[in-house]
Amino acid sequence: MNIADVTIDLEDAALPGDLALPDQPLGVVLFAHGSGSSRHSPRNRAVAEGLNQARIGTLLIDLLTAEEEEIDRGTGELRFDIGLLTRRLVGAIDWLVDAPPTAGFPIGLFGASTGAAGALAAAAERAEHVAAVVSRGGRPDLAGPALERVSAPVLLIVGARDPQVLRLNDDAAGRMHNAMHRLEVVPGASHLFEEPGTLDVVTGLAVRWFERYLTQRVPVA
């Protein structure tokens, strides 16, 4: 396993990230964290570890700068700025495409909460590069019109004890006319999947989804 601290240099920000690449990876998954979270999210890191064990690389980044996070802690507004999150994720996708350690690898996106909306919008913007998307307790509805332009296979994972988000995911799924998609409901799980064993179910679902669809994308020569 090769683990490295990286920096994604964009026009408006320099975003720190943690890149983990197993030997001969099947691809690499970019994580988009949720509201008020960061690349240190314990839930996302648990899923990332499961992906690494399945020979899938991961990149966890902070979508907001330190200054922006300070503003967001007081206002909560930036975590719902889907346009900003999308631009940052598109920049990270472009970095993965060009960076020597990951160039040519199939790319997946894993989004949580509002990060899922950014992931889906970024998948629509970079359809030629994104092979698969997984959402955990996400708000795909916030992706707006981009939902109808997503073409990569999408897995929506929602807790059975999260009825409002389940309804929003069901409605959003009905708008993804151009993407093969599936909605998985995890029994006994609430929004954060804090109940024993529920995050393991999420990890297993994500691993199988990415194993299937990342390997269907032919790497760029």
C-alpha atoms as a PDB file:
ATOM      1  CA  MET A   1       0.000   0.000   0.000  1.00  0.00           C
ATOM      2  CA  ASN A   2       1.365   3.387  -1.010  1.00  0.00           C
ATOM      3  CA  ILE A   3       0.036   6.264   1.120  1.00  0.00           C
ATOM      4  CA  ALA A   4       0.815   9.903   0.358  1.00  0.00           C
ATOM      5  CA  ASP A   5      -0.205  13.383   1.443  1.00  0.00           C
ATOM      6  CA  VAL A   6      -1.150  15.355  -1.663  1.00  0.00           C
ATOM      7  CA  THR A   7      -2.309  18.852  -2.484  1.00  0.00           C
ATOM      8  CA  ILE A   8      -4.897  19.573  -5.180  1.00  0.00           C
ATOM      9  CA  ASP A   9      -3.988  23.015  -6.534  1.00  0.00           C
ATOM     10  CA  LEU A  10      -7.033  24.741  -8.011  1.00  0.00           C
ATOM     11  CA  GLU A  11      -7.571  28.309  -9.172  1.00  0.00           C
ATOM     12  CA  ASP A  12      -9.331  29.336  -5.959  1.00  0.00           C
ATOM     13  CA  ALA A  13      -7.916  26.922  -3.397  1.00  0.00           C
ATOM     14  CA  ALA A  14      -5.218  24.430  -2.469  1.00  0.00           C
ATOM     15  CA  LEU A  15      -6.951  21.380  -1.028  1.00  0.00           C
ATOM     16  CA  PRO A  16      -5.074  18.835   1.116  1.00  0.00           C
ATOM     17  CA  GLY A  17      -5.752  15.162   0.488  1.00  0.00           C
ATOM     18  CA  ASP A  18      -4.831  11.640   1.522  1.00  0.00           C
ATOM     19  CA  LEU A  19      -4.095   9.272  -1.377  1.00  0.00           C
ATOM     20  CA  ALA A  20      -3.910   5.524  -0.761  1.00  0.00           C
ATOM     21  CA  LEU A  21      -3.011   3.164  -3.603  1.00  0.00           C
ATOM     22  CA  PRO A  22      -2.831  -0.612  -3.136  1.00  0.00           C
ATOM     23  CA  ASP A  23      -0.545  -2.630  -5.384  1.00  0.00           C
ATOM     24  CA  GLN A  24      -2.078  -3.014  -8.855  1.00  0.00           C
ATOM     25  CA  PRO A  25      -5.279  -1.102  -7.983  1.00  0.00           C
ATOM     26  CA  LEU A  26      -8.510  -1.707  -9.878  1.00  0.00           C
ATOM     27  CA  GLY A  27      -9.102   2.048  -9.874  1.00  0.00           C
ATOM     28  CA  VAL A  28      -9.310   4.988  -7.511  1.00  0.00           C
ATOM     29  CA  VAL A  29     -12.315   6.418  -5.649  1.00  0.00           C
ATOM     30  CA  LEU A  30     -12.569  10.122  -4.807  1.00  0.00           C
ATOM     31  CA  PHE A  31     -14.514  10.843  -1.603  1.00  0.00           C
ATOM     32  CA  ALA A  32     -16.845  13.827  -1.228  1.00  0.00           C
ATOM     33  CA  HIS A  33     -17.597  14.317   2.464  1.00  0.00           C
ATOM     34  CA  GLY A  34     -20.854  15.603   3.846  1.00  0.00           C
ATOM     35  CA  SER A  35     -22.118  18.576   5.769  1.00  0.00           C
ATOM     36  CA  GLY A  36     -19.694  19.954   8.318  1.00  0.00           C
ATOM     37  CA  SER A  37     -17.226  17.112   7.793  1.00  0.00           C
ATOM     38  CA  SER A  38     -13.738  16.752   6.292  1.00  0.00           C
ATOM     39  CA  ARG A  39     -11.329  14.208   4.865  1.00  0.00           C
ATOM     40  CA  HIS A  40     -10.925  12.948   8.435  1.00  0.00           C
ATOM     41  CA  SER A  41     -14.529  11.706   8.587  1.00  0.00           C
ATOM     42  CA  PRO A  42     -14.309   8.385  10.496  1.00  0.00           C
ATOM     43  CA  ARG A  43     -17.170   6.891   8.483  1.00  0.00           C
ATOM     44  CA  ASN A  44     -15.632   7.730   5.126  1.00  0.00           C
ATOM     45  CA  ARG A  45     -12.244   6.500   6.326  1.00  0.00           C
ATOM     46  CA  ALA A  46     -13.807   3.202   7.364  1.00  0.00           C
ATOM     47  CA  VAL A  47     -15.301   2.773   3.900  1.00  0.00           C
ATOM     48  CA  ALA A  48     -12.007   3.810   2.296  1.00  0.00           C
ATOM     49  CA  GLU A  49     -10.149   1.154   4.294  1.00  0.00           C
ATOM     50  CA  GLY A  50     -12.571  -1.471   3.018  1.00  0.00           C
ATOM     51  CA  LEU A  51     -12.004  -0.318  -0.551  1.00  0.00           C
ATOM     52  CA  ASN A  52      -8.225  -0.431  -0.066  1.00  0.00           C
ATOM     53  CA  GLN A  53      -8.472  -4.007   1.163  1.00  0.00           C
ATOM     54  CA  ALA A  54     -10.314  -4.817  -2.078  1.00  0.00           C
ATOM     55  CA  ARG A  55      -7.429  -3.322  -4.124  1.00  0.00           C
ATOM     56  CA  ILE A  56      -9.249  -0.059  -4.851  1.00  0.00           C
ATOM     57  CA  GLY A  57      -7.341   3.191  -4.333  1.00  0.00           C
ATOM     58  CA  THR A  58      -8.875   6.125  -2.482  1.00  0.00           C
ATOM     59  CA  LEU A  59      -8.445   9.894  -2.364  1.00  0.00           C
ATOM     60  CA  LEU A  60      -9.975  11.788   0.537  1.00  0.00           C
ATOM     61  CA  ILE A  61      -9.765  15.576   0.281  1.00  0.00           C
ATOM     62  CA  ASP A  62     -11.025  18.609   2.152  1.00  0.00           C
ATOM     63  CA  LEU A  63     -13.517  20.362  -0.124  1.00  0.00           C
ATOM     64  CA  LEU A  64     -13.238  23.618   1.836  1.00  0.00           C
ATOM     65  CA  THR A  65     -10.149  25.581   2.821  1.00  0.00           C
ATOM     66  CA  ALA A  66      -9.428  26.212   6.514  1.00  0.00           C
ATOM     67  CA  GLU A  67     -10.780  29.748   6.175  1.00  0.00           C
ATOM     68  CA  GLU A  68     -13.928  28.516   4.444  1.00  0.00           C
ATOM     69  CA  GLU A  69     -14.477  25.870   7.110  1.00  0.00           C
ATOM     70  CA  GLU A  70     -14.300  28.582   9.770  1.00  0.00           C
ATOM     71  CA  ILE A  71     -16.962  30.583   7.913  1.00  0.00           C
ATOM     72  CA  ASP A  72     -19.075  27.476   7.426  1.00  0.00           C
ATOM     73  CA  ARG A  73     -18.962  26.584  11.123  1.00  0.00           C
ATOM     74  CA  GLY A  74     -20.679  29.883  11.820  1.00  0.00           C
ATOM     75  CA  THR A  75     -23.120  30.032   8.923  1.00  0.00           C
ATOM     76  CA  GLY A  76     -23.496  26.509   7.535  1.00  0.00           C
ATOM     77  CA  GLU A  77     -23.845  28.015   4.072  1.00  0.00           C
ATOM     78  CA  LEU A  78     -20.830  26.637   2.210  1.00  0.00           C
ATOM     79  CA  ARG A  79     -21.633  22.990   2.892  1.00  0.00           C
ATOM     80  CA  PHE A  80     -24.809  23.555   0.831  1.00  0.00           C
ATOM     81  CA  ASP A  81     -23.020  25.431  -1.966  1.00  0.00           C
ATOM     82  CA  ILE A  82     -23.299  22.544  -4.422  1.00  0.00           C
ATOM     83  CA  GLY A  83     -21.787  24.633  -7.223  1.00  0.00           C
ATOM     84  CA  LEU A  84     -18.637  25.202  -5.163  1.00  0.00           C
ATOM     85  CA  LEU A  85     -18.398  21.555  -4.089  1.00  0.00           C
ATOM     86  CA  THR A  86     -18.874  20.428  -7.685  1.00  0.00           C
ATOM     87  CA  ARG A  87     -16.112  22.700  -9.000  1.00  0.00           C
ATOM     88  CA  ARG A  88     -13.726  21.419  -6.352  1.00  0.00           C
ATOM     89  CA  LEU A  89     -14.555  17.792  -7.174  1.00  0.00           C
ATOM     90  CA  VAL A  90     -14.176  18.378 -10.909  1.00  0.00           C
ATOM     91  CA  GLY A  91     -10.751  19.845 -10.178  1.00  0.00           C
ATOM     92  CA  ALA A  92      -9.844  16.774  -8.126  1.00  0.00           C
ATOM     93  CA  ILE A  93     -11.031  14.469 -10.926  1.00  0.00           C
ATOM     94  CA  ASP A  94      -8.842  16.362 -13.390  1.00  0.00           C
ATOM     95  CA  TRP A  95      -5.928  16.004 -10.963  1.00  0.00           C
ATOM     96  CA  LEU A  96      -6.454  12.237 -10.783  1.00  0.00           C
ATOM     97  CA  VAL A  97      -6.542  12.045 -14.564  1.00  0.00           C
ATOM     98  CA  ASP A  98      -3.234  13.910 -14.920  1.00  0.00           C
ATOM     99  CA  ALA A  99      -1.232  12.977 -11.796  1.00  0.00           C
ATOM    100  CA  PRO A 100       1.432  10.315 -12.503  1.00  0.00           C
ATOM    101  CA  PRO A 101       0.388   7.988  -9.640  1.00  0.00           C
ATOM    102  CA  THR A 102      -3.226   7.740 -10.852  1.00  0.00           C
ATOM    103  CA  ALA A 103      -3.204   8.653 -14.553  1.00  0.00           C
ATOM    104  CA  GLY A 104      -5.088   6.054 -16.553  1.00  0.00           C
ATOM    105  CA  PHE A 105      -6.924   4.519 -13.594  1.00  0.00           C
ATOM    106  CA  PRO A 106     -10.721   4.220 -13.709  1.00  0.00           C
ATOM    107  CA  ILE A 107     -12.270   6.771 -11.338  1.00  0.00           C
ATOM    108  CA  GLY A 108     -15.190   6.340  -8.961  1.00  0.00           C
ATOM    109  CA  LEU A 109     -16.894   8.850  -6.670  1.00  0.00           C
ATOM    110  CA  PHE A 110     -18.210   8.228  -3.162  1.00  0.00           C
ATOM    111  CA  GLY A 111     -20.377  10.990  -1.723  1.00  0.00           C
ATOM    112  CA  ALA A 112     -22.041  11.456   1.657  1.00  0.00           C
ATOM    113  CA  SER A 113     -24.816  13.905   2.581  1.00  0.00           C
ATOM    114  CA  THR A 114     -24.422  17.124   0.539  1.00  0.00           C
ATOM    115  CA  GLY A 115     -21.168  15.732  -0.870  1.00  0.00           C
ATOM    116  CA  ALA A 116     -23.249  13.198  -2.793  1.00  0.00           C
ATOM    117  CA  ALA A 117     -24.919  16.022  -4.725  1.00  0.00           C
ATOM    118  CA  GLY A 118     -21.511  17.424  -5.629  1.00  0.00           C
ATOM    119  CA  ALA A 119     -20.325  13.961  -6.646  1.00  0.00           C
ATOM    120  CA  LEU A 120     -23.284  13.414  -8.964  1.00  0.00           C
ATOM    121  CA  ALA A 121     -22.930  16.870 -10.506  1.00  0.00           C
ATOM    122  CA  ALA A 122     -19.199  16.269 -11.003  1.00  0.00           C
ATOM    123  CA  ALA A 123     -19.969  12.891 -12.596  1.00  0.00           C
ATOM    124  CA  ALA A 124     -22.197  14.703 -15.069  1.00  0.00           C
ATOM    125  CA  GLU A 125     -19.456  17.253 -15.799  1.00  0.00           C
ATOM    126  CA  ARG A 126     -16.739  14.622 -16.262  1.00  0.00           C
ATOM    127  CA  ALA A 127     -18.759  11.739 -17.697  1.00  0.00           C
ATOM    128  CA  GLU A 128     -15.805  10.627 -19.803  1.00  0.00           C
ATOM    129  CA  HIS A 129     -13.735   9.965 -16.682  1.00  0.00           C
ATOM    130  CA  VAL A 130     -16.171   8.825 -13.965  1.00  0.00           C
ATOM    131  CA  ALA A 131     -16.970   5.107 -14.116  1.00  0.00           C
ATOM    132  CA  ALA A 132     -19.243   4.731 -11.061  1.00  0.00           C
ATOM    133  CA  VAL A 133     -20.814   6.667  -8.175  1.00  0.00           C
ATOM    134  CA  VAL A 134     -21.898   5.590  -4.679  1.00  0.00           C
ATOM    135  CA  SER A 135     -23.923   7.786  -2.311  1.00  0.00           C
ATOM    136  CA  ARG A 136     -24.185   7.134   1.445  1.00  0.00           C
ATOM    137  CA  GLY A 137     -27.048   8.889   3.185  1.00  0.00           C
ATOM    138  CA  GLY A 138     -26.771  11.441   0.412  1.00  0.00           C
ATOM    139  CA  ARG A 139     -28.802  14.372  -0.827  1.00  0.00           C
ATOM    140  CA  PRO A 140     -28.841  13.622  -4.565  1.00  0.00           C
ATOM    141  CA  ASP A 141     -31.844  15.908  -4.939  1.00  0.00           C
ATOM    142  CA  LEU A 142     -29.518  18.884  -4.424  1.00  0.00           C
ATOM    143  CA  ALA A 143     -27.697  18.032  -7.667  1.00  0.00           C
ATOM    144  CA  GLY A 144     -30.654  19.554  -9.530  1.00  0.00           C
ATOM    145  CA  PRO A 145     -30.728  19.276 -13.338  1.00  0.00           C
ATOM    146  CA  ALA A 146     -27.351  17.504 -13.322  1.00  0.00           C
ATOM    147  CA  LEU A 147     -29.149  14.304 -12.280  1.00  0.00           C
ATOM    148  CA  GLU A 148     -30.534  13.934 -15.776  1.00  0.00           C
ATOM    149  CA  ARG A 149     -27.028  14.143 -17.265  1.00  0.00           C
ATOM    150  CA  VAL A 150     -25.381  11.501 -15.081  1.00  0.00           C
ATOM    151  CA  SER A 151     -24.430   8.458 -17.155  1.00  0.00           C
ATOM    152  CA  ALA A 152     -22.221   6.443 -14.770  1.00  0.00           C
ATOM    153  CA  PRO A 153     -23.854   3.643 -12.739  1.00  0.00           C
ATOM    154  CA  VAL A 154     -25.118   5.047  -9.413  1.00  0.00           C
ATOM    155  CA  LEU A 155     -25.700   3.224  -6.119  1.00  0.00           C
ATOM    156  CA  LEU A 156     -27.806   5.109  -3.559  1.00  0.00           C
ATOM    157  CA  ILE A 157     -27.470   3.749   0.003  1.00  0.00           C
ATOM    158  CA  VAL A 158     -29.930   4.987   2.616  1.00  0.00           C
ATOM    159  CA  GLY A 159     -30.763   3.879   6.155  1.00  0.00           C
ATOM    160  CA  ALA A 160     -34.215   2.447   6.758  1.00  0.00           C
ATOM    161  CA  ARG A 161     -34.525   4.760   9.786  1.00  0.00           C
ATOM    162  CA  ASP A 162     -33.895   7.862   7.659  1.00  0.00           C
ATOM    163  CA  PRO A 163     -37.332   8.272   6.015  1.00  0.00           C
ATOM    164  CA  GLN A 164     -36.978  11.838   4.755  1.00  0.00           C
ATOM    165  CA  VAL A 165     -33.654  11.169   3.016  1.00  0.00           C
ATOM    166  CA  LEU A 166     -35.038   7.877   1.706  1.00  0.00           C
ATOM    167  CA  ARG A 167     -37.905   9.734   0.061  1.00  0.00           C
ATOM    168  CA  LEU A 168     -35.521  12.308  -1.443  1.00  0.00           C
ATOM    169  CA  ASN A 169     -33.307   9.523  -2.818  1.00  0.00           C
ATOM    170  CA  ASP A 170     -36.276   7.700  -4.292  1.00  0.00           C
ATOM    171  CA  ASP A 171     -37.427  10.878  -6.031  1.00  0.00           C
ATOM    172  CA  ALA A 172     -33.902  11.631  -7.295  1.00  0.00           C
ATOM    173  CA  ALA A 173     -33.507   8.094  -8.644  1.00  0.00           C
ATOM    174  CA  GLY A 174     -36.568   8.663 -10.789  1.00  0.00           C
ATOM    175  CA  ARG A 175     -34.807  11.597 -12.457  1.00  0.00           C
ATOM    176  CA  MET A 176     -31.668   9.705 -13.458  1.00  0.00           C
ATOM    177  CA  HIS A 177     -32.966   8.703 -16.875  1.00  0.00           C
ATOM    178  CA  ASN A 178     -29.522   8.192 -18.443  1.00  0.00           C
ATOM    179  CA  ALA A 179     -27.831   6.237 -15.649  1.00  0.00           C
ATOM    180  CA  MET A 180     -28.237   2.679 -14.464  1.00  0.00           C
ATOM    181  CA  HIS A 181     -29.005   3.108 -10.774  1.00  0.00           C
ATOM    182  CA  ARG A 182     -30.044   1.165  -7.686  1.00  0.00           C
ATOM    183  CA  LEU A 183     -31.410   2.208  -4.303  1.00  0.00           C
ATOM    184  CA  GLU A 184     -30.268   0.053  -1.370  1.00  0.00           C
ATOM    185  CA  VAL A 185     -31.998   0.455   2.014  1.00  0.00           C
ATOM    186  CA  VAL A 186     -29.960  -0.729   5.014  1.00  0.00           C
ATOM    187  CA  PRO A 187     -32.204  -2.213   7.729  1.00  0.00           C
ATOM    188  CA  GLY A 188     -31.883  -0.651  11.169  1.00  0.00           C
ATOM    189  CA  ALA A 189     -29.652   2.197   9.985  1.00  0.00           C
ATOM    190  CA  SER A 190     -30.228   5.883  10.683  1.00  0.00           C
ATOM    191  CA  HIS A 191     -28.748   8.794   8.737  1.00  0.00           C
ATOM    192  CA  LEU A 192     -25.160   8.446  10.002  1.00  0.00           C
ATOM    193  CA  PHE A 193     -25.083   4.619   9.997  1.00  0.00           C
ATOM    194  CA  GLU A 194     -23.930   4.636  13.607  1.00  0.00           C
ATOM    195  CA  GLU A 195     -25.758   1.433  14.527  1.00  0.00           C
ATOM    196  CA  PRO A 196     -23.542  -1.663  14.959  1.00  0.00           C
ATOM    197  CA  GLY A 197     -22.777  -3.376  11.683  1.00  0.00           C
ATOM    198  CA  THR A 198     -24.573  -0.900   9.425  1.00  0.00           C
ATOM    199  CA  LEU A 199     -21.424   0.818   8.172  1.00  0.00           C
ATOM    200  CA  ASP A 200     -19.987  -2.592   7.364  1.00  0.00           C
ATOM    201  CA  VAL A 201     -23.017  -3.165   5.135  1.00  0.00           C
ATOM    202  CA  VAL A 202     -22.345   0.166   3.402  1.00  0.00           C
ATOM    203  CA  THR A 203     -18.704  -0.786   2.867  1.00  0.00           C
ATOM    204  CA  GLY A 204     -19.628  -4.151   1.401  1.00  0.00           C
ATOM    205  CA  LEU A 205     -22.156  -2.615  -0.977  1.00  0.00           C
ATOM    206  CA  ALA A 206     -19.657   0.037  -2.095  1.00  0.00           C
ATOM    207  CA  VAL A 207     -16.879  -2.496  -2.631  1.00  0.00           C
ATOM    208  CA  ARG A 208     -19.071  -4.701  -4.819  1.00  0.00           C
ATOM    209  CA  TRP A 209     -20.357  -1.732  -6.828  1.00  0.00           C
ATOM    210  CA  PHE A 210     -16.911  -0.376  -7.560  1.00  0.00           C
ATOM    211  CA  GLU A 211     -15.438  -3.811  -8.207  1.00  0.00           C
ATOM    212  CA  ARG A 212     -18.105  -4.355 -10.835  1.00  0.00           C
ATOM    213  CA  TYR A 213     -18.186  -0.993 -12.569  1.00  0.00           C
ATOM    214  CA  LEU A 214     -14.655   0.305 -12.228  1.00  0.00           C
ATOM    215  CA  THR A 215     -13.370  -2.810 -13.944  1.00  0.00           C
ATOM    216  CA  GLN A 216     -15.790  -2.321 -16.821  1.00  0.00           C
ATOM    217  CA  ARG A 217     -14.111   0.996 -17.697  1.00  0.00           C
ATOM    218  CA  VAL A 218     -11.093   0.507 -19.977  1.00  0.00           C
ATOM    219  CA  PRO A 219      -8.126   2.511 -18.593  1.00  0.00           C
ATOM    220  CA  VAL A 220      -6.813   5.362 -20.737  1.00  0.00           C
ATOM    221  CA  ALA A 221      -3.530   4.417 -22.437  1.00  0.00           C
END
